[in-house]
Amino acid sequence: MASEPASQTVPATGLEHPPTAPFLIVGVTSSGRGFRPSDWADRLAGVMASFQPPGAGPRSHLQYSPYAVPGVHGPHKCVRVDPAIAEVEPMALAFLLNFARDNDLQLVLSS
C-alpha cells in the first residue's frame, strides 16, 4: 500500500516563497474560523477558469482550470492550486496567494 505524501499546514501570511508543488488554499483562517461566503472556493476557481493549458479547446473557459480546482479538505472548502499556472500567467499564482494572505487562510503544502 502506497503512503500519502507528507503535508504541512501553514498560514498563508507566513509563506516566504511561492510553493513549487501543488497545494491547497483551505477555507479556515489562522484563528480556526471558517471562511465565508460558503461558495468562496467555487467563485475563486471560476475566476481562474480562463487560465487553461496550451492547446485547450475553444470552450475550455466554460470549465474549471486544471490549475485551480475547488474541493473539500476535511470539513472545509478548498481550492487545489497547481503552481504551473504561473507558466500560463505569472500574475495568476500571485493573485491566488495574495487572496489567501489577504483573507488569513491556511495553506496545505506537500512535503
Protein backbone atom coordinates (compact mmCIF):
# COMPACT_ATOMS: atom_id res chain seq x y z
CA MET A 1 0.00 0.00 0.00
CA ALA A 2 1.41 3.38 -1.02
CA SER A 3 1.59 6.02 1.65
CA GLU A 4 0.21 9.54 1.25
CA PRO A 5 2.82 12.25 0.73
CA ALA A 6 3.56 14.22 3.88
CA SER A 7 1.98 17.63 4.11
CA GLN A 8 2.09 20.62 6.41
CA THR A 9 -0.47 23.32 7.12
CA VAL A 10 0.83 26.87 7.28
CA PRO A 11 -0.81 30.29 7.40
CA ALA A 12 -0.62 31.99 4.00
CA THR A 13 0.64 35.13 5.72
CA GLY A 14 3.79 33.26 6.80
CA LEU A 15 4.71 31.94 3.35
CA GLU A 16 8.05 33.35 2.17
CA HIS A 17 8.23 31.82 -1.32
CA PRO A 18 5.58 30.51 -3.70
CA PRO A 19 5.16 26.72 -3.45
CA THR A 20 6.69 24.66 -6.25
CA ALA A 21 4.35 21.68 -5.81
CA PRO A 22 0.53 21.65 -5.90
CA PHE A 23 -1.03 22.97 -2.69
CA LEU A 24 -4.41 23.70 -1.14
CA ILE A 25 -5.89 27.00 -0.09
CA VAL A 26 -8.18 25.95 2.75
CA GLY A 27 -11.19 27.97 3.88
CA VAL A 28 -10.16 28.29 7.50
CA THR A 29 -8.36 31.26 8.99
CA SER A 30 -5.27 31.07 11.17
CA SER A 31 -7.57 31.51 14.20
CA GLY A 32 -9.61 28.45 13.15
CA ARG A 33 -12.71 30.27 11.85
CA GLY A 34 -14.41 29.08 8.68
CA PHE A 35 -14.16 31.43 5.72
CA ARG A 36 -17.33 32.93 4.23
CA PRO A 37 -19.18 33.03 1.89
CA SER A 38 -19.73 29.30 1.69
CA ASP A 39 -19.18 29.25 -2.10
CA TRP A 40 -15.85 31.09 -1.99
CA ALA A 41 -13.91 28.13 -3.46
CA ASP A 42 -16.23 27.87 -6.47
CA ARG A 43 -16.02 31.63 -7.04
CA LEU A 44 -12.22 31.69 -6.80
CA ALA A 45 -11.85 28.70 -9.13
CA GLY A 46 -14.34 30.34 -11.51
CA VAL A 47 -12.19 33.47 -11.70
CA MET A 48 -9.23 31.26 -12.68
CA ALA A 49 -11.19 29.29 -15.33
CA SER A 50 -9.71 31.23 -18.25
CA PHE A 51 -6.18 30.04 -17.39
CA GLN A 52 -6.01 26.81 -19.36
CA PRO A 53 -3.03 24.73 -20.53
CA PRO A 54 -1.70 25.39 -24.04
CA GLY A 55 -3.86 23.65 -26.63
CA ALA A 56 -7.05 23.71 -24.55
CA GLY A 57 -10.22 23.65 -26.60
CA PRO A 58 -12.20 26.72 -27.67
CA ARG A 59 -14.85 26.23 -24.97
CA SER A 60 -12.43 25.34 -22.18
CA HIS A 61 -13.23 28.63 -20.41
CA LEU A 62 -16.60 27.09 -19.52
CA GLN A 63 -14.98 24.63 -17.10
CA TYR A 64 -12.63 24.99 -14.16
CA SER A 65 -8.98 25.39 -14.96
CA PRO A 66 -6.91 22.31 -14.10
CA TYR A 67 -4.63 24.75 -12.25
CA ALA A 68 -7.28 25.86 -9.70
CA VAL A 69 -9.93 23.30 -8.76
CA PRO A 70 -12.44 23.63 -5.91
CA GLY A 71 -12.77 20.79 -3.43
CA VAL A 72 -13.05 19.86 0.23
CA HIS A 73 -10.30 19.32 2.79
CA GLY A 74 -11.74 17.82 5.96
CA PRO A 75 -14.78 19.90 6.87
CA HIS A 76 -13.58 22.97 4.92
CA LYS A 77 -13.88 24.08 1.31
CA CYS A 78 -10.58 24.44 -0.50
CA VAL A 79 -9.00 25.19 -3.86
CA ARG A 80 -6.25 22.92 -5.16
CA VAL A 81 -3.67 25.10 -6.88
CA ASP A 82 -1.06 23.86 -9.33
CA PRO A 83 1.83 26.36 -9.39
CA ALA A 84 2.23 25.57 -13.10
CA ILE A 85 -0.45 28.24 -13.58
CA ALA A 86 2.47 30.70 -13.40
CA GLU A 87 3.70 29.33 -16.76
CA VAL A 88 0.43 30.47 -18.33
CA GLU A 89 0.16 33.73 -16.35
CA PRO A 90 2.62 34.57 -13.54
CA MET A 91 0.20 37.06 -12.01
CA ALA A 92 -2.43 34.31 -11.58
CA LEU A 93 -0.33 32.49 -8.98
CA ALA A 94 0.39 35.78 -7.24
CA PHE A 95 -3.34 36.57 -7.23
CA LEU A 96 -4.20 33.22 -5.61
CA LEU A 97 -1.51 33.57 -2.95
CA ASN A 98 -2.50 37.17 -2.24
CA PHE A 99 -6.14 36.10 -1.88
CA ALA A 100 -5.07 33.55 0.73
CA ARG A 101 -2.86 36.10 2.54
CA ASP A 102 -5.44 38.90 2.46
CA ASN A 103 -8.07 36.59 3.96
CA ASP A 104 -5.71 34.99 6.52
CA LEU A 105 -6.32 31.50 5.10
CA GLN A 106 -4.36 28.32 5.66
CA LEU A 107 -2.30 26.53 3.01
CA VAL A 108 -1.67 22.81 2.94
CA LEU A 109 1.74 22.23 1.36
CA SER A 110 3.12 18.93 0.12
CA SER A 111 6.45 17.98 1.62
